[in-house]
Protein backbone atom coordinates (compact mmCIF):
# COMPACT_ATOMS: atom_id res chain seq x y z
CA MET A 1 134.51 25.34 84.14
CA ASP A 2 131.31 25.96 86.18
CA ARG A 3 129.80 29.44 85.65
CA GLU A 4 127.41 31.68 87.44
CA VAL A 5 123.80 30.62 87.30
CA THR A 6 120.61 32.73 86.48
CA LEU A 7 117.63 33.05 88.96
CA SER A 8 115.54 31.27 86.15
CA GLU A 9 117.95 28.38 86.13
CA VAL A 10 117.85 28.10 90.16
CA LEU A 11 113.86 28.28 90.08
CA GLU A 12 113.81 25.75 87.29
CA ALA A 13 116.33 23.32 89.25
CA ARG A 14 113.90 23.75 92.37
CA GLU A 15 110.92 22.75 90.42
CA ALA A 16 112.62 19.88 88.83
CA ARG A 17 113.73 18.56 92.38
CA VAL A 18 110.34 19.15 93.71
CA TYR A 19 108.81 17.19 90.78
CA ARG A 20 111.49 14.27 91.37
CA GLN A 21 110.45 14.16 95.11
CA GLN A 22 106.74 13.83 94.39
CA ALA A 23 107.56 11.27 91.56
CA LEU A 24 109.67 9.00 94.16
CA LEU A 25 106.79 9.49 97.07
CA ALA A 26 104.24 8.20 94.57
CA GLU A 27 106.58 5.24 93.31
CA PHE A 28 107.94 4.03 96.73
CA GLY A 29 105.65 5.40 99.44
CA LEU A 30 108.41 5.88 101.49
CA PRO A 31 110.27 8.93 103.28
CA VAL A 32 112.39 10.73 101.03
CA VAL A 33 115.51 12.57 102.01
CA SER A 34 116.52 15.43 99.75
CA PHE A 35 120.26 16.59 100.23
CA ASN A 36 121.72 19.70 98.57
CA MET A 37 124.41 22.29 99.38
CA ASN A 38 123.99 25.75 100.85
CA ILE A 39 126.11 27.66 98.58
CA ALA A 40 125.86 31.67 98.41
CA GLY A 41 126.40 33.45 95.10
CA PRO A 42 125.59 32.99 91.54
CA VAL A 43 128.30 30.08 91.16
CA LYS A 44 126.53 27.01 92.73
CA ASN A 45 129.10 24.03 91.88
CA GLY A 46 132.64 23.60 91.23
CA PRO A 47 135.33 21.12 92.59
CA LEU A 48 135.22 21.90 96.12
CA VAL A 49 131.09 22.01 96.20
CA ARG A 50 131.51 18.38 94.50
CA ARG A 51 134.13 17.27 97.11
CA ALA A 52 132.01 18.36 99.94
CA PHE A 53 128.66 16.98 98.46
CA ARG A 54 130.48 13.51 98.08
CA GLU A 55 131.49 13.53 101.63
CA GLY A 56 128.24 14.69 102.82
CA LEU A 57 126.63 11.62 100.92
CA ASP A 58 128.95 9.37 102.56
CA ARG A 59 128.20 10.72 106.07
CA LEU A 60 124.61 10.13 105.37
CA ALA A 61 125.02 6.72 103.96
CA ASP A 62 127.04 5.85 107.21
CA ALA A 63 124.42 7.24 109.29
CA LEU A 64 121.60 5.57 107.96
CA GLY A 65 123.42 2.37 107.81
CA ALA A 66 124.25 2.68 111.64
CA ALA A 67 120.70 3.22 112.26
CA ARG A 68 119.74 0.24 110.18
CA VAL A 69 117.57 2.18 107.76
CA PRO A 70 117.82 0.74 104.56
CA VAL A 71 118.14 2.97 101.35
CA GLU A 72 115.66 1.55 98.79
CA HIS A 73 116.53 4.16 95.90
CA ARG A 74 119.06 6.76 95.49
CA GLU A 75 119.67 9.20 92.63
CA ALA A 76 122.02 12.30 92.27
CA VAL A 77 122.50 15.36 90.16
CA ASP A 78 125.56 17.22 89.45
CA ALA A 79 124.39 20.26 87.58
CA VAL A 80 125.60 23.71 87.10
CA THR A 81 122.97 24.55 89.72
CA GLY A 82 124.51 22.58 92.18
CA CYS A 83 124.75 19.09 93.57
CA GLU A 84 121.54 17.28 94.69
CA ALA A 85 120.90 13.70 95.98
CA LEU A 86 117.17 12.29 96.65
CA LEU A 87 117.11 8.89 98.36
CA ALA A 88 113.86 6.91 99.33
CA VAL A 89 114.34 5.44 102.63
CA ARG A 90 112.61 2.53 104.45
CA GLY A 91 112.24 3.95 108.16
CA ASP A 92 110.17 6.25 110.31
CA PRO A 93 110.67 9.95 109.08
CA GLU A 94 110.69 11.24 112.60
CA ALA A 95 113.77 8.88 113.22
CA VAL A 96 115.46 9.85 109.98
CA LYS A 97 115.12 13.70 110.57
CA PRO A 98 117.18 13.63 113.59
CA LEU A 99 119.98 11.79 111.87
CA CYS A 100 119.96 14.59 109.24
CA VAL A 101 119.91 17.28 111.83
CA GLU A 102 122.96 15.66 113.63
CA LEU A 103 124.98 15.70 110.31
CA GLU A 104 124.04 19.47 109.55
CA ASP A 105 125.14 20.32 113.10
CA GLU A 106 128.25 18.05 113.29
CA ASP A 107 130.71 20.47 112.17
CA ALA A 108 131.41 23.57 109.99
CA LEU A 109 131.15 21.46 106.77
CA GLY A 110 127.81 20.13 107.94
CA ARG A 111 126.62 23.78 108.15
CA LEU A 112 126.50 23.83 104.28
CA PHE A 113 124.66 20.69 103.99
CA ASP A 114 120.85 20.93 103.27
CA LEU A 115 119.07 17.91 104.36
CA ASP A 116 115.18 17.75 104.13
CA VAL A 117 113.07 14.72 105.06
CA LEU A 118 109.68 14.42 103.73
CA SER A 119 107.13 12.08 105.02
CA PRO A 120 105.17 9.56 102.65
CA ALA A 121 102.46 11.99 102.55
CA GLY A 122 104.73 14.55 101.31
CA ASP A 123 104.92 16.77 104.41
CA LYS A 124 108.63 18.31 105.29
CA LEU A 125 109.62 17.47 108.78
CA ASP A 126 110.67 20.63 110.46
CA ARG A 127 113.86 20.74 112.99
CA GLU A 128 112.48 23.34 115.15
CA ALA A 129 108.86 21.23 115.45
CA LEU A 130 111.11 18.29 116.53
CA GLY A 131 112.70 20.60 119.40
CA TYR A 132 116.10 21.21 117.63
CA PRO A 133 117.26 24.73 117.65
CA PRO A 134 117.13 27.03 114.25
CA ARG A 135 120.26 26.68 112.10
CA PRO A 136 122.88 29.40 112.81
CA CYS A 137 124.21 32.19 110.28
CA LEU A 138 127.69 31.35 108.78
CA ILE A 139 128.76 34.80 109.80
CA CYS A 140 127.18 35.79 112.95
CA GLY A 141 126.07 32.55 114.56
CA LYS A 142 122.53 34.20 114.98
CA PRO A 143 119.38 32.21 113.57
CA GLY A 144 120.03 31.99 109.94
CA LYS A 145 116.54 32.50 108.75
CA GLY A 146 116.50 35.66 109.93
CA CYS A 147 119.68 36.90 108.40
CA SER A 148 118.76 35.40 105.34
CA SER A 149 115.38 37.04 104.86
CA ARG A 150 116.56 40.51 105.97
CA ARG A 151 119.62 40.10 103.67
CA VAL A 152 121.93 41.17 106.71
CA HIS A 153 125.29 39.83 105.06
CA PRO A 154 126.19 40.42 101.48
CA ALA A 155 126.79 37.38 99.12
CA SER A 156 130.62 37.94 99.14
CA GLU A 157 130.82 37.64 102.84
CA LEU A 158 128.87 34.41 102.86
CA GLN A 159 131.03 33.20 100.02
CA ALA A 160 134.33 34.09 101.73
CA ALA A 161 133.06 32.36 104.90
CA THR A 162 131.92 29.27 102.64
CA ALA A 163 135.47 29.19 101.16
CA ARG A 164 137.08 29.20 104.78
CA ILE A 165 134.91 26.32 105.89
CA PHE A 166 135.80 24.30 102.71
CA ARG A 167 139.81 25.01 102.97
CA ASP A 168 139.92 24.55 106.80
CA HIS A 169 137.93 21.27 106.65
CA PHE A 170 139.83 19.90 103.95
CA ALA A 171 143.25 20.91 104.95
CA GLY A 172 142.80 19.13 108.18
CA ARG A 173 141.38 15.93 106.44
CA ASP A 174 144.12 15.72 103.65
CA ARG A 175 146.77 16.45 106.26
CA ASP A 176 145.56 13.47 108.55
CA CYS A 177 145.57 11.36 105.26
CA ILE A 178 148.90 12.28 104.07
CA ALA A 179 150.43 11.52 107.51
CA ALA A 180 148.63 8.31 107.77
CA GLN A 181 150.05 7.19 104.33
CA ALA A 182 153.75 8.16 105.47
CA ALA A 183 153.25 5.87 108.46
CA ARG A 184 151.68 3.10 106.12
CA ALA A 185 154.66 3.56 103.95
CA LEU A 186 157.07 2.79 106.91
CA LEU A 187 155.16 0.00 107.91
CA TYR A 188 154.77 -1.58 104.34
CA GLU A 189 158.76 -0.96 104.11
CA VAL A 190 159.82 -2.95 107.34
CA CYS A 191 157.25 -5.76 106.61
CA ALA A 192 158.14 -6.57 102.92
CA ALA A 193 160.19 -9.50 102.84
CA PRO A 194 162.82 -10.70 101.90
CA LYS A 195 164.90 -7.58 102.36
CA PRO A 196 168.52 -8.21 102.17
CA GLY A 197 170.46 -7.48 105.54
CA LEU A 198 167.36 -5.37 106.60
CA VAL A 199 164.92 -6.07 109.39
CA ASP A 200 161.61 -7.35 108.00
CA ARG A 201 158.81 -9.73 109.01
CA THR A 202 160.90 -12.85 108.83
CA ASN A 203 164.22 -11.91 110.33
CA ASN A 204 166.41 -9.03 111.75
CA GLY A 205 168.67 -9.17 108.95
CA SER A 206 172.16 -7.46 110.17
CA HIS A 207 170.57 -5.83 113.12
CA ARG A 208 170.92 -7.24 116.61
CA ASP A 209 169.40 -4.14 118.48
CA MET A 210 166.11 -3.93 116.75
CA ASP A 211 163.37 -5.98 115.41
CA LEU A 212 159.82 -5.49 113.48
CA PHE A 213 158.24 -4.24 116.64
CA THR A 214 160.85 -1.73 117.20
CA PHE A 215 160.21 -0.30 114.01
CA VAL A 216 156.10 -0.57 114.66
CA ASP A 217 156.77 1.38 118.11
CA SER A 218 158.89 4.06 116.12
CA THR A 219 156.14 4.37 113.48
CA ALA A 220 153.65 5.20 115.89
CA ALA A 221 155.43 7.66 117.75
CA LEU A 222 156.38 9.49 114.11
CA LEU A 223 152.74 9.75 113.03
CA PRO A 224 152.29 13.24 114.97
CA TYR A 225 155.43 14.34 113.46
CA PHE A 226 154.35 13.60 109.64
CA ARG A 227 150.97 15.46 110.59
CA SER A 228 153.32 18.49 111.83
CA ALA A 229 155.44 18.15 108.58
CA VAL A 230 152.42 18.43 106.31
CA THR A 231 150.91 21.40 108.56
CA ILE A 232 154.20 23.29 108.08
CA GLY A 233 154.19 22.70 104.25
CA GLN A 234 150.36 24.09 104.22
CA GLU A 235 151.26 27.02 106.40
CA THR A 236 154.27 28.39 104.68
CA ALA A 237 153.20 27.31 101.20
CA GLY A 238 153.35 31.26 100.14
CA LEU A 239 156.70 31.67 101.63
CA PRO A 240 159.89 30.62 99.98
CA PRO A 241 160.56 26.61 99.97
CA GLU A 242 163.61 27.22 102.30
CA GLU A 243 161.53 28.83 105.05
CA THR A 244 159.63 25.48 104.81
CA PHE A 245 162.67 23.33 105.31
CA ARG A 246 163.96 25.55 108.27
CA ARG A 247 160.97 25.14 110.30
CA LEU A 248 160.66 21.53 109.52
CA ARG A 249 164.45 21.11 110.96
CA ARG A 250 163.04 22.14 114.29
CA ALA A 251 160.17 19.58 114.12
CA GLY A 252 162.78 17.03 113.03
CA LEU A 253 164.59 17.24 116.27
CA ALA A 254 161.46 16.80 118.44
CA ALA A 255 160.80 13.78 116.29
CA GLU A 256 163.98 12.22 116.63
CA ARG A 257 163.58 12.44 120.62
CA ALA A 258 160.13 10.79 120.40
CA MET A 259 161.48 8.01 118.19
CA PHE A 260 164.40 7.30 120.73
CA ALA A 261 161.94 7.54 123.57
CA ALA A 262 159.69 4.78 122.08
CA THR A 263 162.47 2.37 120.80
CA GLY A 264 164.58 2.42 124.10
CA GLY A 265 167.31 4.64 122.17
CA VAL A 266 167.54 2.70 119.02
CA ASN A 267 167.75 4.45 115.80
CA THR A 268 165.43 3.18 113.74
CA HIS A 269 163.95 5.87 111.41
CA LYS A 270 166.36 8.99 111.74
CA GLY A 271 167.07 9.13 107.72
CA ALA A 272 163.23 8.66 107.40
CA ILE A 273 162.71 11.55 109.68
CA PHE A 274 164.75 13.80 107.49
CA SER A 275 163.75 12.25 104.12
CA LEU A 276 160.07 11.33 104.67
CA GLY A 277 159.40 14.08 106.55
CA THR A 278 160.68 16.54 103.74
CA VAL A 279 158.59 14.72 101.41
CA CYS A 280 155.42 15.34 103.42
CA ALA A 281 156.26 18.96 103.82
CA ALA A 282 156.62 19.40 100.19
CA ALA A 283 153.33 17.50 99.68
CA GLY A 284 151.83 20.15 102.40
CA ARG A 285 153.47 23.18 100.30
CA LEU A 286 151.77 21.89 96.82
CA TRP A 287 148.38 21.19 98.77
CA MET A 288 145.19 23.01 97.36
CA PRO A 289 141.66 22.07 98.48
CA GLU A 290 140.61 21.56 95.01
CA THR A 291 143.70 19.55 93.90
CA PRO A 292 145.07 17.76 97.01
CA TRP A 293 147.31 15.39 95.25
CA ALA A 294 150.32 16.78 93.16
CA LYS A 295 152.04 14.46 90.94
CA ALA A 296 154.94 12.76 92.37
CA GLU A 297 157.43 14.30 90.15
CA ALA A 298 156.19 17.74 91.47
CA VAL A 299 156.76 17.02 95.04
CA LEU A 300 160.41 15.60 94.75
CA ALA A 301 161.07 18.91 92.78
CA GLU A 302 159.76 20.56 95.75
CA CYS A 303 161.88 18.75 97.88
CA ALA A 304 164.76 19.99 96.00
CA ALA A 305 163.86 23.68 96.32
CA MET A 306 163.16 23.15 99.80
CA CYS A 307 166.48 21.87 100.93
CA ARG A 308 169.23 22.46 98.36
CA GLU A 309 170.36 25.62 99.85
CA ALA A 310 170.66 24.53 103.30
CA VAL A 311 172.19 21.13 102.03
CA GLU A 312 174.85 22.91 100.23
CA ALA A 313 175.44 25.09 103.01
CA ASP A 314 176.05 22.17 105.35
CA PHE A 315 178.57 20.65 102.73
CA ALA A 316 180.43 23.88 102.62
CA ALA A 317 180.58 23.76 106.55
CA LEU A 318 182.11 20.43 106.51
CA ARG A 319 184.71 21.37 103.98
CA THR A 320 185.99 24.12 106.08
CA GLY A 321 185.27 22.78 109.72
CA GLY A 322 185.24 18.82 109.33
CA GLY A 323 182.65 16.44 110.97
CA THR A 324 182.32 13.54 113.00
CA THR A 325 179.57 11.40 111.68
CA VAL A 326 179.68 8.70 109.43
CA GLY A 327 178.09 10.74 106.63
CA ALA A 328 180.54 13.73 107.01
CA ARG A 329 183.54 11.36 106.87
CA LEU A 330 182.37 9.86 103.76
CA TYR A 331 181.63 13.09 102.11
CA LEU A 332 185.13 14.38 103.10
CA ALA A 333 187.01 11.24 102.17
CA HIS A 334 184.86 10.47 99.00
CA GLY A 335 182.59 13.14 98.36
CA LEU A 336 179.41 11.00 98.91
CA ARG A 337 176.56 13.26 99.79
CA GLY A 338 174.15 10.58 100.96
CA ILE A 339 170.45 11.33 101.62
CA ARG A 340 171.15 15.04 101.75
CA GLY A 341 172.60 15.06 98.41
CA GLU A 342 169.64 12.98 97.10
CA LEU A 343 167.15 15.33 98.91
CA ALA A 344 168.84 18.32 97.12
CA GLU A 345 168.61 16.68 93.64
CA GLY A 346 164.93 15.95 93.97
CA LEU A 347 165.57 12.23 95.15
CA PRO A 348 166.66 10.90 91.73
CA GLY A 349 166.94 7.31 93.21
CA VAL A 350 163.23 7.20 94.07
CA ARG A 351 162.12 9.13 90.60
CA ASP A 352 164.51 7.21 88.31
CA VAL A 353 164.77 3.92 90.03
CA GLY A 354 162.35 3.08 92.86
CA LEU A 355 159.02 4.24 91.48
CA PRO A 356 159.79 2.74 87.89
CA ALA A 357 160.79 -0.36 89.29
CA LEU A 358 157.81 -0.56 91.78
CA ARG A 359 155.48 0.23 88.74
CA ALA A 360 157.02 -1.98 86.36
CA ALA A 361 156.63 -4.86 88.85
CA LEU A 362 153.03 -4.19 89.68
CA ALA A 363 152.44 -3.97 85.88
CA ALA A 364 153.78 -7.51 85.46
CA GLY A 365 151.31 -8.80 87.86
CA ALA A 366 153.49 -8.76 91.39
CA THR A 367 152.15 -8.06 94.92
CA LEU A 368 152.70 -4.78 96.33
CA GLU A 369 155.19 -6.64 98.57
CA GLN A 370 157.13 -8.22 95.55
CA ALA A 371 157.03 -4.78 93.90
CA GLY A 372 158.61 -3.45 97.08
CA THR A 373 161.53 -6.01 97.05
CA ALA A 374 162.04 -5.39 93.34
CA ALA A 375 162.30 -1.52 94.00
CA LEU A 376 164.85 -2.23 96.84
CA VAL A 377 166.86 -4.52 94.46
CA GLY A 378 166.96 -1.59 92.08
CA LEU A 379 167.87 0.86 94.46
CA MET A 380 170.73 -1.19 95.81
CA ALA A 381 172.10 -1.68 92.45
CA ARG A 382 172.05 1.95 91.26
CA VAL A 383 172.22 4.10 94.58
CA THR A 384 175.36 4.54 96.59
CA ASP A 385 174.37 3.67 99.93
CA THR A 386 176.33 5.26 102.93
CA ASN A 387 175.17 2.77 105.30
CA LEU A 388 176.67 -0.16 103.06
CA LEU A 389 179.89 1.98 102.88
CA SER A 390 180.26 2.51 106.50
CA ARG A 391 179.67 -1.21 107.16
CA GLY A 392 181.55 -2.83 104.38
CA GLY A 393 183.62 -0.13 103.01
CA PRO A 394 183.93 0.13 99.15
CA GLU A 395 184.41 -3.50 98.75
CA GLY A 396 181.20 -4.36 100.51
CA GLN A 397 179.13 -1.51 98.81
CA ARG A 398 180.66 -2.56 95.55
CA TRP A 399 179.71 -6.35 96.23
CA ALA A 400 176.15 -5.49 97.44
CA ALA A 401 175.61 -3.41 94.21
CA GLU A 402 176.68 -6.05 91.82
CA THR A 403 174.72 -8.80 93.48
CA ALA A 404 171.59 -6.66 93.53
CA ALA A 405 172.06 -5.93 89.83
CA GLY A 406 172.01 -9.69 88.97
CA LEU A 407 168.48 -10.06 90.36
CA GLU A 408 167.13 -6.87 88.79
CA GLY A 409 163.66 -7.84 86.79
CA PRO A 410 160.03 -6.93 87.18
CA VAL A 411 159.93 -9.83 89.79
CA PRO A 412 163.15 -10.98 91.50
CA ASP A 413 163.17 -14.43 92.25
CA ARG A 414 162.43 -15.12 96.06
CA ALA A 415 165.06 -18.00 96.54
CA ALA A 416 167.87 -15.68 95.26
CA LEU A 417 166.49 -12.75 97.46
CA GLU A 418 166.50 -15.15 100.40
CA ALA A 419 170.02 -16.36 99.58
CA PHE A 420 171.29 -12.67 99.01
CA ASP A 421 169.58 -11.70 102.53
CA ARG A 422 171.49 -14.51 104.38
CA ALA A 423 174.82 -13.38 102.26
CA MET A 424 174.37 -9.85 103.44
CA THR A 425 173.52 -10.85 107.05
CA GLU A 426 176.89 -12.87 107.26
CA ARG A 427 178.94 -9.96 105.87
CA ASN A 428 176.88 -7.78 108.44
CA LEU A 429 175.83 -5.53 105.60
CA SER A 430 172.64 -3.48 105.76
CA PRO A 431 171.09 -1.08 103.10
CA GLY A 432 169.58 1.40 105.41
CA GLY A 433 169.74 4.27 102.89
CA CYS A 434 167.99 2.31 100.32
CA ALA A 435 165.40 1.27 102.84
CA ASP A 436 165.01 4.85 103.26
CA LEU A 437 164.10 5.49 99.74
CA LEU A 438 161.78 2.49 99.39
CA ALA A 439 159.71 3.80 102.23
CA ILE A 440 159.33 6.93 100.07
CA THR A 441 158.76 4.98 96.97
CA PHE A 442 155.95 3.35 98.87
CA PHE A 443 154.60 6.65 100.00
CA LEU A 444 154.51 8.25 96.79
CA HIS A 445 152.78 5.29 95.19
CA PHE A 446 149.98 5.36 98.13
CA TYR A 447 149.99 9.32 97.77
CA GLY A 448 149.43 9.12 94.00
CA GLY A 449 145.90 7.52 94.49
CA ALA A 450 146.55 4.20 96.09
CA GLY A 451 144.46 4.65 98.92
CA LEU A 452 143.75 8.51 99.20
């Protein structure tokens, strides 16, 4: 755990940095960029400091690369006294310094970057001497040097401002990332082939009113909704989980309108709006800037906590007042709870079938597409799909599940899958519910580290 540092430790670290700067200047005879973080208070390092420092290094590398300034040497230190990096660069120091000033002034996070440029002779370039304004104070916005030298603001106030910068920056950054992975999951789901009875990149399966491009249009329209779902989760994390789900439902209705507008009235993702949207909101509830990615099992458990009460209320209302939707009729006639029941139980199909099948296939050397079809086959074999029931009745559902069970394995045979696809299409069967669970399976795989 990172601890408070003493003044002597800070001074020793500063001396060590100056020594390394001089050593690099002597060794390379090139300008040196010195990068560290402006962190007030006695604790100079921690998970958020490291995360911000890594992003700052990435930004610096991008800026130097865009300006075609080669980096001849780079070294970094991660110590209790803070994160530091030194770069020897092959470029004009008066051209490099403006790049660093732009990074410091780019946004609130950049205000925490301290980027010095030393000429080959060892002179430190001053931003004001190059015509740039002085850096503003974190608290009042006045020139920061004046506030610092006169100790206008207490360290506690500066620490609070720093914490807000970290949280606001990473909340937005991670929100965008989670939403992008949700859209990515929908695209992987629709493109993976062969998928028995479903739209994929090779055919439209049992569907005559939609194709691959309908799904692409729908996914693009839903990207803002997934971002809103994560935001709702983040903003209501301190409230009961049921409140998150209540607010999400309103956003979901707007997302349905956006979907229908994009597809010309075709229902491509209504189930995914409900299910994957809930998963995104759960990820938002569990988000923390220091540990942004929760375990998949925790996300699924949070889904159950969010929607269990509302789902049970919905089913109780159906028992007293009936319902006209396909899902309502199947529940009243057979007790089938569909995707709502899955969510209320923490998506056991994804947890116990989809994710294990995907992981087993990948471990066996399958491609991600092959792993996706393996997960779909497992889901079809083990999860009662109300879409299949509505199209083929109990007999059609049973036949599809038994056929899928015969294809289960780490990597299903492609020819057998193609034959299954043709048979499903001939029977006009489509496992749309399992497709939604496959999309969530893909999402949790990406969310868990494969792309974040």
